[in-house]
């Protein structure tokens, strides 16, 4: 047996694959493959720039406090 990856460009083609699977000629292993999306791309633009800057400053200040306490 051999495994191949297909790109379905038409709903009719997907129906054909389902029929072939019903006839036990093929087995669909995964219905869809989501392209890997980096978190930075996924959440880009979700926070206004000023809020993001405030949050980044808060994180940096918190880290600096932890470093001071650790010494």
Protein backbone atom coordinates (compact mmCIF):
# COMPACT_ATOMS: atom_id res chain seq x y z
CA UNK A 1 0.00 0.00 0.00
CA UNK A 2 1.07 3.56 -0.67
CA UNK A 3 0.06 6.83 0.98
CA UNK A 4 -0.37 9.97 -1.13
CA UNK A 5 -1.42 13.52 -0.36
CA UNK A 6 -4.09 15.09 -2.56
CA UNK A 7 -5.36 18.61 -2.92
CA UNK A 8 -9.09 18.71 -3.54
CA UNK A 9 -10.03 21.56 -5.86
CA UNK A 10 -13.69 20.71 -6.30
CA UNK A 11 -16.44 19.32 -4.06
CA UNK A 12 -17.31 16.78 -6.75
CA UNK A 13 -13.82 15.31 -6.51
CA UNK A 14 -14.24 14.90 -2.77
CA UNK A 15 -17.51 13.09 -3.36
CA UNK A 16 -15.72 10.71 -5.73
CA UNK A 17 -13.17 9.96 -3.04
CA UNK A 18 -15.95 9.26 -0.56
CA UNK A 19 -17.50 6.80 -3.00
CA UNK A 20 -14.17 5.07 -3.52
CA UNK A 21 -13.83 4.81 0.24
CA UNK A 22 -17.32 3.31 0.48
CA UNK A 23 -16.25 0.68 -2.03
CA UNK A 24 -13.21 -0.01 0.19
CA UNK A 25 -10.85 0.85 -2.64
CA UNK A 26 -9.18 3.67 -0.72
CA UNK A 27 -9.11 4.94 2.84
CA UNK A 28 -9.22 8.65 3.62
CA UNK A 29 -6.78 9.15 6.47
CA UNK A 30 -7.34 12.80 7.13
CA UNK A 31 -10.24 14.86 5.84
CA UNK A 32 -8.32 18.15 5.78
CA UNK A 33 -4.85 19.36 6.57
CA UNK A 34 -4.60 22.81 8.06
CA UNK A 35 -1.47 24.67 7.01
CA UNK A 36 0.74 25.41 10.00
CA UNK A 37 0.26 28.99 11.06
CA UNK A 38 2.73 30.75 13.30
CA UNK A 39 1.21 32.29 16.40
CA UNK A 40 2.65 35.68 15.48
CA UNK A 41 0.74 35.52 12.19
CA UNK A 42 -2.43 34.21 13.81
CA UNK A 43 -2.64 36.98 16.38
CA UNK A 44 -1.07 39.81 14.39
CA UNK A 45 -3.11 42.98 14.74
CA UNK A 46 -5.38 41.63 17.47
CA UNK A 47 -4.26 44.22 20.03
CA UNK A 48 -4.00 47.91 19.35
CA UNK A 49 -0.34 49.01 19.21
CA UNK A 50 -0.57 51.14 22.36
CA UNK A 51 -2.05 48.27 24.40
CA UNK A 52 0.58 45.88 23.05
CA UNK A 53 3.34 48.34 24.02
CA UNK A 54 1.93 48.73 27.53
CA UNK A 55 1.72 44.96 27.92
CA UNK A 56 5.30 44.51 26.69
CA UNK A 57 6.52 47.16 29.14
CA UNK A 58 4.68 45.44 31.99
CA UNK A 59 6.23 42.09 31.09
CA UNK A 60 9.71 43.62 30.95
CA UNK A 61 9.25 45.35 34.31
CA UNK A 62 8.00 42.11 35.87
CA UNK A 63 11.02 40.22 34.57
CA UNK A 64 13.37 42.86 35.92
CA UNK A 65 11.71 42.62 39.36
CA UNK A 66 12.13 38.84 39.37
CA UNK A 67 15.79 39.21 38.42
CA UNK A 68 16.37 41.72 41.27
CA UNK A 69 14.70 39.41 43.80
CA UNK A 70 16.77 36.46 42.64
CA UNK A 71 20.12 38.11 43.41
